[in-house]
Amino acid sequence: MKKLDDIPCGWAPASDKLYRAYHDEEWGVPERDSRALWEKFQLDGFQAGLSWITILRKRAEMRREFEGFEPDRVARWSQKRIDRA
């Protein structure tokens, strides 16, 4: 008999390694690092109208574009840099 912990959630199929890693290592885990919280907040905003797996697949590119989701760095962007984003 399988334990409840061995049964994957339907929204994070076992066949998708990225989804499973997010499910198993991040989802539902308390986050206390302010930079990581800011990143998750931003990713949630991008998720509007998209599937979460789309956001997870683009996460590394978003980290590069938004300077690692470092609020202090983004706050210093020039208008030209803002327009580019």
C-alpha atoms as a PDB file:
ATOM      1  CA  MET A   1       0.000   0.000   0.000  1.00  0.00           C
ATOM      2  CA  LYS A   2       1.319   3.435  -0.945  1.00  0.00           C
ATOM      3  CA  LYS A   3       1.761   6.075   1.717  1.00  0.00           C
ATOM      4  CA  LEU A   4       0.048   9.401   1.097  1.00  0.00           C
ATOM      5  CA  ASP A   5       3.485  11.047   0.644  1.00  0.00           C
ATOM      6  CA  ASP A   6       4.203   8.676  -2.264  1.00  0.00           C
ATOM      7  CA  ILE A   7       1.161   9.791  -4.283  1.00  0.00           C
ATOM      8  CA  PRO A   8       1.995  12.797  -6.488  1.00  0.00           C
ATOM      9  CA  CYS A   9      -0.425  15.702  -6.681  1.00  0.00           C
ATOM     10  CA  GLY A  10      -2.312  15.807  -9.961  1.00  0.00           C
ATOM     11  CA  TRP A  11      -1.187  19.355 -10.736  1.00  0.00           C
ATOM     12  CA  ALA A  12       2.498  18.386 -10.612  1.00  0.00           C
ATOM     13  CA  PRO A  13       2.822  15.242 -12.711  1.00  0.00           C
ATOM     14  CA  ALA A  14       5.644  12.872 -11.825  1.00  0.00           C
ATOM     15  CA  SER A  15       6.643  12.829 -15.497  1.00  0.00           C
ATOM     16  CA  ASP A  16       7.637  16.526 -15.436  1.00  0.00           C
ATOM     17  CA  LYS A  17      10.901  16.865 -13.504  1.00  0.00           C
ATOM     18  CA  LEU A  18      10.705  20.670 -13.245  1.00  0.00           C
ATOM     19  CA  TYR A  19       7.171  20.591 -11.857  1.00  0.00           C
ATOM     20  CA  ARG A  20       8.031  17.800  -9.425  1.00  0.00           C
ATOM     21  CA  ALA A  21      11.130  19.609  -8.186  1.00  0.00           C
ATOM     22  CA  TYR A  22       9.048  22.749  -7.567  1.00  0.00           C
ATOM     23  CA  HIS A  23       6.339  20.701  -5.856  1.00  0.00           C
ATOM     24  CA  ASP A  24       8.717  18.689  -3.710  1.00  0.00           C
ATOM     25  CA  GLU A  25      11.244  21.390  -2.804  1.00  0.00           C
ATOM     26  CA  GLU A  26       9.432  24.752  -2.852  1.00  0.00           C
ATOM     27  CA  TRP A  27       5.641  24.590  -2.906  1.00  0.00           C
ATOM     28  CA  GLY A  28       4.212  24.883   0.582  1.00  0.00           C
ATOM     29  CA  VAL A  29       7.634  25.395   2.156  1.00  0.00           C
ATOM     30  CA  PRO A  30       7.835  28.530   4.334  1.00  0.00           C
ATOM     31  CA  GLU A  31      10.153  31.139   2.821  1.00  0.00           C
ATOM     32  CA  ARG A  32      11.913  33.644   5.062  1.00  0.00           C
ATOM     33  CA  ASP A  33      14.511  35.047   2.679  1.00  0.00           C
ATOM     34  CA  SER A  34      13.299  38.476   1.515  1.00  0.00           C
ATOM     35  CA  ARG A  35      14.893  38.185  -1.945  1.00  0.00           C
ATOM     36  CA  ALA A  36      13.330  34.772  -2.536  1.00  0.00           C
ATOM     37  CA  LEU A  37       9.958  36.072  -1.338  1.00  0.00           C
ATOM     38  CA  TRP A  38      10.210  38.986  -3.758  1.00  0.00           C
ATOM     39  CA  GLU A  39      11.022  36.584  -6.592  1.00  0.00           C
ATOM     40  CA  LYS A  40       7.997  34.423  -5.804  1.00  0.00           C
ATOM     41  CA  PHE A  41       5.793  37.512  -5.616  1.00  0.00           C
ATOM     42  CA  GLN A  42       7.019  38.640  -9.041  1.00  0.00           C
ATOM     43  CA  LEU A  43       6.584  35.188 -10.566  1.00  0.00           C
ATOM     44  CA  ASP A  44       3.026  35.072  -9.250  1.00  0.00           C
ATOM     45  CA  GLY A  45       2.344  38.354 -11.056  1.00  0.00           C
ATOM     46  CA  PHE A  46       3.721  36.968 -14.321  1.00  0.00           C
ATOM     47  CA  GLN A  47       1.587  33.879 -13.874  1.00  0.00           C
ATOM     48  CA  ALA A  48      -1.681  35.774 -14.419  1.00  0.00           C
ATOM     49  CA  GLY A  49      -3.222  34.170 -17.474  1.00  0.00           C
ATOM     50  CA  LEU A  50      -0.422  31.619 -17.882  1.00  0.00           C
ATOM     51  CA  SER A  51       0.076  28.145 -16.517  1.00  0.00           C
ATOM     52  CA  TRP A  52       2.494  27.817 -13.621  1.00  0.00           C
ATOM     53  CA  ILE A  53       4.676  25.398 -15.597  1.00  0.00           C
ATOM     54  CA  THR A  54       5.171  28.137 -18.219  1.00  0.00           C
ATOM     55  CA  ILE A  55       6.480  30.435 -15.488  1.00  0.00           C
ATOM     56  CA  LEU A  56       8.739  27.723 -14.069  1.00  0.00           C
ATOM     57  CA  ARG A  57      10.201  27.059 -17.523  1.00  0.00           C
ATOM     58  CA  LYS A  58      10.967  30.765 -17.990  1.00  0.00           C
ATOM     59  CA  ARG A  59      12.178  31.351 -14.434  1.00  0.00           C
ATOM     60  CA  ALA A  60      15.909  31.326 -15.228  1.00  0.00           C
ATOM     61  CA  GLU A  61      15.396  33.853 -18.041  1.00  0.00           C
ATOM     62  CA  MET A  62      13.324  36.072 -15.732  1.00  0.00           C
ATOM     63  CA  ARG A  63      16.066  35.931 -13.106  1.00  0.00           C
ATOM     64  CA  ARG A  64      18.557  37.170 -15.699  1.00  0.00           C
ATOM     65  CA  GLU A  65      16.236  39.893 -16.998  1.00  0.00           C
ATOM     66  CA  PHE A  66      15.337  41.175 -13.524  1.00  0.00           C
ATOM     67  CA  GLU A  67      18.843  40.990 -12.066  1.00  0.00           C
ATOM     68  CA  GLY A  68      18.203  38.027  -9.810  1.00  0.00           C
ATOM     69  CA  PHE A  69      15.035  39.671  -8.489  1.00  0.00           C
ATOM     70  CA  GLU A  70      17.176  41.958  -6.338  1.00  0.00           C
ATOM     71  CA  PRO A  71      14.783  44.841  -5.504  1.00  0.00           C
ATOM     72  CA  ASP A  72      17.586  47.334  -4.799  1.00  0.00           C
ATOM     73  CA  ARG A  73      19.136  46.726  -8.214  1.00  0.00           C
ATOM     74  CA  VAL A  74      15.818  46.980 -10.067  1.00  0.00           C
ATOM     75  CA  ALA A  75      14.938  50.153  -8.135  1.00  0.00           C
ATOM     76  CA  ARG A  76      18.045  51.816  -9.601  1.00  0.00           C
ATOM     77  CA  TRP A  77      17.087  51.111 -13.220  1.00  0.00           C
ATOM     78  CA  SER A  78      17.146  54.083 -15.560  1.00  0.00           C
ATOM     79  CA  GLN A  79      14.075  54.968 -17.608  1.00  0.00           C
ATOM     80  CA  LYS A  80      15.800  53.472 -20.650  1.00  0.00           C
ATOM     81  CA  ARG A  81      16.273  50.169 -18.786  1.00  0.00           C
ATOM     82  CA  ILE A  82      12.660  50.220 -17.575  1.00  0.00           C
ATOM     83  CA  ASP A  83      11.432  50.735 -21.116  1.00  0.00           C
ATOM     84  CA  ARG A  84      13.513  47.768 -22.275  1.00  0.00           C
ATOM     85  CA  ALA A  85      11.898  45.458 -19.716  1.00  0.00           C
END
